[in-house]
Amino acid sequence: MDPRRARTQGLQRVSRLTAWMAGGAVVVSGAFVALLARPHLSTAQTRTPLGAGGATTTLDPFGGGGSVDDGGAAAQPLNPPVQAPLPSAGPAQVSSGAS
């Protein structure tokens, strides 16, 4: 076989393989995006009487921890600090980590 022809055929095979791999990567990443874009349908909700109101505890299977709804009581709003932080009186200390 002619070396030029063998080289051309090899390059064509590699080109086809590259095209198939790129197409497969697009399909796989599209499948992951579609999977992650779905609403989380597997969130487990458990009703537990934690007080007079019967609170609802929601467990997040994705590691966000649980949250407790106390049956409709309003959440406490955040309040600003009584006094703003004061600047320090001493000189600034900077450490670059280099020696």
N, C-alpha and C. Protein backbone atom coordinates (compact mmCIF):
# COMPACT_ATOMS: atom_id res chain seq x y z
N MET A 1 0.85 -1.17 0.00
CA MET A 1 0.00 0.00 0.00
C MET A 1 0.90 1.24 0.00
N ASP A 2 0.43 2.21 -0.70
CA ASP A 2 1.14 3.48 -0.82
C ASP A 2 1.12 4.20 0.53
N PRO A 3 2.26 4.70 1.03
CA PRO A 3 2.29 5.38 2.33
C PRO A 3 1.39 6.61 2.39
N ARG A 4 1.29 7.32 1.27
CA ARG A 4 0.42 8.51 1.27
C ARG A 4 -1.04 8.12 1.41
N ARG A 5 -1.41 7.04 0.73
CA ARG A 5 -2.80 6.59 0.81
C ARG A 5 -3.10 6.07 2.22
N ALA A 6 -2.17 5.35 2.83
CA ALA A 6 -2.36 4.85 4.19
C ALA A 6 -2.50 6.01 5.18
N ARG A 7 -1.67 7.03 4.98
CA ARG A 7 -1.75 8.22 5.86
C ARG A 7 -3.09 8.92 5.70
N THR A 8 -3.56 9.06 4.47
CA THR A 8 -4.85 9.71 4.21
C THR A 8 -5.99 8.92 4.85
N GLN A 9 -5.96 7.60 4.72
CA GLN A 9 -7.01 6.77 5.32
C GLN A 9 -6.96 6.86 6.84
N GLY A 10 -5.77 6.88 7.40
CA GLY A 10 -5.64 7.01 8.85
C GLY A 10 -6.19 8.33 9.35
N LEU A 11 -5.87 9.40 8.62
CA LEU A 11 -6.40 10.72 9.01
C LEU A 11 -7.92 10.77 8.89
N GLN A 12 -8.48 10.12 7.87
CA GLN A 12 -9.93 10.08 7.72
C GLN A 12 -10.58 9.32 8.88
N ARG A 13 -9.95 8.20 9.28
CA ARG A 13 -10.48 7.44 10.42
C ARG A 13 -10.45 8.27 11.70
N VAL A 14 -9.34 8.95 11.93
CA VAL A 14 -9.21 9.79 13.13
C VAL A 14 -10.22 10.93 13.08
N SER A 15 -10.43 11.49 11.91
CA SER A 15 -11.40 12.59 11.76
C SER A 15 -12.81 12.10 12.07
N ARG A 16 -13.17 10.92 11.55
CA ARG A 16 -14.50 10.36 11.84
C ARG A 16 -14.66 10.05 13.32
N LEU A 17 -13.62 9.49 13.91
CA LEU A 17 -13.67 9.18 15.34
C LEU A 17 -13.83 10.46 16.16
N THR A 18 -13.12 11.51 15.78
CA THR A 18 -13.23 12.78 16.49
C THR A 18 -14.63 13.36 16.37
N ALA A 19 -15.21 13.27 15.18
CA ALA A 19 -16.57 13.78 14.98
C ALA A 19 -17.58 13.00 15.82
N TRP A 20 -17.45 11.68 15.86
CA TRP A 20 -18.36 10.87 16.67
C TRP A 20 -18.19 11.17 18.16
N MET A 21 -16.95 11.36 18.60
CA MET A 21 -16.71 11.67 20.01
C MET A 21 -17.28 13.03 20.38
N ALA A 22 -17.13 14.01 19.50
CA ALA A 22 -17.69 15.33 19.77
C ALA A 22 -19.21 15.27 19.81
N GLY A 23 -19.81 14.56 18.89
CA GLY A 23 -21.27 14.41 18.90
C GLY A 23 -21.76 13.69 20.15
N GLY A 24 -21.04 12.65 20.55
CA GLY A 24 -21.41 11.93 21.77
C GLY A 24 -21.28 12.80 23.00
N ALA A 25 -20.25 13.65 23.04
CA ALA A 25 -20.08 14.55 24.18
C ALA A 25 -21.22 15.56 24.25
N VAL A 26 -21.67 16.05 23.11
CA VAL A 26 -22.79 16.98 23.08
C VAL A 26 -24.07 16.29 23.58
N VAL A 27 -24.30 15.06 23.14
CA VAL A 27 -25.50 14.33 23.56
C VAL A 27 -25.46 14.04 25.06
N VAL A 28 -24.32 13.60 25.56
CA VAL A 28 -24.21 13.27 26.99
C VAL A 28 -24.36 14.52 27.85
N SER A 29 -23.72 15.61 27.45
CA SER A 29 -23.86 16.83 28.25
C SER A 29 -25.28 17.38 28.17
N GLY A 30 -25.94 17.24 27.03
CA GLY A 30 -27.34 17.65 26.92
C GLY A 30 -28.23 16.81 27.83
N ALA A 31 -27.94 15.53 27.94
CA ALA A 31 -28.72 14.66 28.83
C ALA A 31 -28.53 15.08 30.29
N PHE A 32 -27.29 15.41 30.67
CA PHE A 32 -27.05 15.87 32.04
C PHE A 32 -27.77 17.18 32.32
N VAL A 33 -27.75 18.09 31.37
CA VAL A 33 -28.45 19.36 31.55
C VAL A 33 -29.94 19.13 31.70
N ALA A 34 -30.50 18.27 30.88
CA ALA A 34 -31.93 17.97 30.97
C ALA A 34 -32.27 17.31 32.31
N LEU A 35 -31.40 16.44 32.78
CA LEU A 35 -31.63 15.77 34.06
C LEU A 35 -31.58 16.77 35.21
N LEU A 36 -30.61 17.68 35.19
CA LEU A 36 -30.46 18.63 36.28
C LEU A 36 -31.47 19.76 36.21
N ALA A 37 -32.04 20.02 35.05
CA ALA A 37 -33.00 21.11 34.90
C ALA A 37 -34.39 20.74 35.38
N ARG A 38 -34.64 19.45 35.57
CA ARG A 38 -35.97 19.03 36.04
C ARG A 38 -36.19 19.49 37.47
N PRO A 39 -37.45 19.77 37.82
CA PRO A 39 -37.72 20.11 39.23
C PRO A 39 -37.41 18.89 40.11
N HIS A 40 -36.98 19.17 41.32
CA HIS A 40 -36.63 18.10 42.24
C HIS A 40 -37.91 17.47 42.77
N LEU A 41 -38.29 16.36 42.18
CA LEU A 41 -39.53 15.69 42.54
C LEU A 41 -39.37 14.75 43.73
N SER A 42 -38.14 14.46 44.12
CA SER A 42 -37.93 13.46 45.16
C SER A 42 -37.76 14.07 46.56
N THR A 43 -38.15 15.33 46.75
CA THR A 43 -38.04 15.93 48.08
C THR A 43 -39.06 15.28 48.99
N ALA A 44 -38.58 14.71 50.09
CA ALA A 44 -39.46 14.03 51.03
C ALA A 44 -40.00 15.04 52.03
N GLN A 45 -41.31 14.99 52.26
CA GLN A 45 -41.92 15.86 53.26
C GLN A 45 -42.55 14.98 54.33
N THR A 46 -42.25 15.30 55.57
CA THR A 46 -42.76 14.54 56.70
C THR A 46 -43.46 15.49 57.64
N ARG A 47 -44.67 15.17 58.02
CA ARG A 47 -45.41 16.00 58.97
C ARG A 47 -45.21 15.40 60.37
N THR A 48 -44.69 16.24 61.27
CA THR A 48 -44.39 15.82 62.63
C THR A 48 -44.94 16.86 63.59
N PRO A 49 -45.68 16.45 64.61
CA PRO A 49 -46.17 17.42 65.58
C PRO A 49 -45.03 17.88 66.49
N LEU A 50 -44.46 19.06 66.22
CA LEU A 50 -43.37 19.58 67.03
C LEU A 50 -43.85 20.61 68.04
N GLY A 51 -45.08 20.95 68.00
CA GLY A 51 -45.60 21.94 68.93
C GLY A 51 -47.11 22.01 68.77
N ALA A 52 -47.70 23.05 69.29
CA ALA A 52 -49.14 23.19 69.22
C ALA A 52 -49.62 23.33 67.79
N GLY A 53 -48.79 23.94 66.92
CA GLY A 53 -49.20 24.18 65.54
C GLY A 53 -48.98 22.99 64.63
N GLY A 54 -48.23 22.00 65.04
CA GLY A 54 -47.94 20.86 64.18
C GLY A 54 -47.05 21.27 63.01
N ALA A 55 -45.77 21.42 63.23
CA ALA A 55 -44.85 21.93 62.22
C ALA A 55 -44.63 20.92 61.12
N THR A 56 -44.21 21.40 59.98
CA THR A 56 -43.88 20.57 58.84
C THR A 56 -42.38 20.59 58.65
N THR A 57 -41.77 19.43 58.59
CA THR A 57 -40.32 19.34 58.38
C THR A 57 -40.07 18.87 56.97
N THR A 58 -39.26 19.60 56.21
CA THR A 58 -38.93 19.22 54.85
C THR A 58 -37.48 18.79 54.81
N LEU A 59 -37.23 17.59 54.31
CA LEU A 59 -35.87 17.08 54.21
C LEU A 59 -35.40 17.22 52.77
N ASP A 60 -34.25 17.83 52.57
CA ASP A 60 -33.70 18.04 51.24
C ASP A 60 -32.70 16.93 50.96
N PRO A 61 -32.96 16.04 49.99
CA PRO A 61 -32.04 14.95 49.71
C PRO A 61 -30.74 15.40 49.06
N PHE A 62 -30.63 16.67 48.67
CA PHE A 62 -29.43 17.16 48.01
C PHE A 62 -28.47 17.82 48.98
N GLY A 63 -28.62 17.61 50.29
CA GLY A 63 -27.65 18.07 51.26
C GLY A 63 -27.87 19.47 51.78
N GLY A 64 -29.01 20.07 51.49
CA GLY A 64 -29.27 21.42 51.98
C GLY A 64 -29.72 21.44 53.42
N GLY A 65 -29.87 20.26 54.03
CA GLY A 65 -30.33 20.21 55.41
C GLY A 65 -31.84 20.29 55.46
N GLY A 66 -32.37 20.20 56.62
CA GLY A 66 -33.81 20.28 56.79
C GLY A 66 -34.23 21.68 57.17
N SER A 67 -35.44 22.02 56.83
CA SER A 67 -35.98 23.30 57.25
C SER A 67 -37.27 23.03 57.98
N VAL A 68 -37.58 23.87 58.96
CA VAL A 68 -38.78 23.66 59.76
C VAL A 68 -39.69 24.86 59.58
N ASP A 69 -40.94 24.59 59.21
CA ASP A 69 -41.96 25.62 59.11
C ASP A 69 -42.83 25.47 60.35
N ASP A 70 -42.93 26.50 61.17
CA ASP A 70 -43.62 26.39 62.46
C ASP A 70 -45.13 26.57 62.35
N GLY A 71 -45.69 26.28 61.21
CA GLY A 71 -47.14 26.30 61.09
C GLY A 71 -47.72 27.66 60.77
N GLY A 72 -46.98 28.57 60.22
CA GLY A 72 -47.52 29.84 59.78
C GLY A 72 -47.06 31.04 60.57
N ALA A 73 -46.27 30.88 61.61
CA ALA A 73 -45.78 32.04 62.37
C ALA A 73 -44.83 32.84 61.50
N ALA A 74 -44.87 34.16 61.61
CA ALA A 74 -44.02 35.02 60.79
C ALA A 74 -42.56 34.89 61.21
N ALA A 75 -41.67 34.90 60.26
CA ALA A 75 -40.24 34.84 60.55
C ALA A 75 -39.79 36.18 61.09
N GLN A 76 -38.81 36.15 61.98
CA GLN A 76 -38.28 37.38 62.56
C GLN A 76 -37.42 38.09 61.53
N PRO A 77 -37.65 39.38 61.29
CA PRO A 77 -36.82 40.11 60.32
C PRO A 77 -35.43 40.37 60.89
N LEU A 78 -34.47 40.57 60.00
CA LEU A 78 -33.12 40.89 60.43
C LEU A 78 -33.07 42.34 60.89
N ASN A 79 -32.38 42.58 61.99
CA ASN A 79 -32.25 43.94 62.52
C ASN A 79 -30.82 44.41 62.34
N PRO A 80 -30.61 45.69 62.00
CA PRO A 80 -29.25 46.20 61.87
C PRO A 80 -28.61 46.30 63.26
N PRO A 81 -27.28 46.34 63.33
CA PRO A 81 -26.62 46.46 64.62
C PRO A 81 -26.93 47.82 65.25
N VAL A 82 -26.83 47.86 66.58
CA VAL A 82 -27.12 49.10 67.30
C VAL A 82 -26.11 50.17 66.92
N GLN A 83 -24.84 49.80 66.82
CA GLN A 83 -23.79 50.75 66.47
C GLN A 83 -22.94 50.16 65.35
N ALA A 84 -22.55 51.00 64.39
CA ALA A 84 -21.72 50.54 63.28
C ALA A 84 -20.34 50.14 63.80
N PRO A 85 -19.66 49.22 63.15
CA PRO A 85 -18.31 48.85 63.58
C PRO A 85 -17.37 50.04 63.51
N LEU A 86 -16.46 50.12 64.47
CA LEU A 86 -15.50 51.22 64.54
C LEU A 86 -14.17 50.79 63.93
N PRO A 87 -13.45 51.71 63.29
CA PRO A 87 -12.14 51.35 62.75
C PRO A 87 -11.16 51.10 63.88
N SER A 88 -10.16 50.27 63.61
CA SER A 88 -9.17 49.97 64.63
C SER A 88 -8.21 51.15 64.79
N ALA A 89 -7.62 51.30 65.99
CA ALA A 89 -6.73 52.42 66.27
C ALA A 89 -5.28 52.10 65.90
N GLY A 90 -4.91 50.84 65.82
CA GLY A 90 -3.53 50.47 65.59
C GLY A 90 -3.15 50.52 64.10
N PRO A 91 -1.86 50.36 63.83
CA PRO A 91 -1.40 50.34 62.43
C PRO A 91 -1.88 49.06 61.74
N ALA A 92 -2.03 49.16 60.44
CA ALA A 92 -2.43 47.98 59.68
C ALA A 92 -1.32 46.95 59.65
N GLN A 93 -1.68 45.70 59.82
CA GLN A 93 -0.70 44.62 59.81
C GLN A 93 -0.97 43.78 58.56
N VAL A 94 0.02 43.72 57.69
CA VAL A 94 -0.11 42.97 56.45
C VAL A 94 0.96 41.90 56.42
N SER A 95 0.54 40.69 56.09
CA SER A 95 1.49 39.58 55.98
C SER A 95 1.32 38.98 54.60
N SER A 96 2.37 39.02 53.80
CA SER A 96 2.28 38.50 52.44
C SER A 96 2.49 37.00 52.38
N GLY A 97 3.08 36.44 53.39
CA GLY A 97 3.36 35.02 53.39
C GLY A 97 4.71 34.66 52.80
N ALA A 98 5.36 35.61 52.14
CA ALA A 98 6.68 35.36 51.58
C ALA A 98 7.75 35.67 52.63
N SER A 99 8.85 35.01 52.54
CA SER A 99 9.92 35.28 53.50
C SER A 99 11.23 35.50 52.81
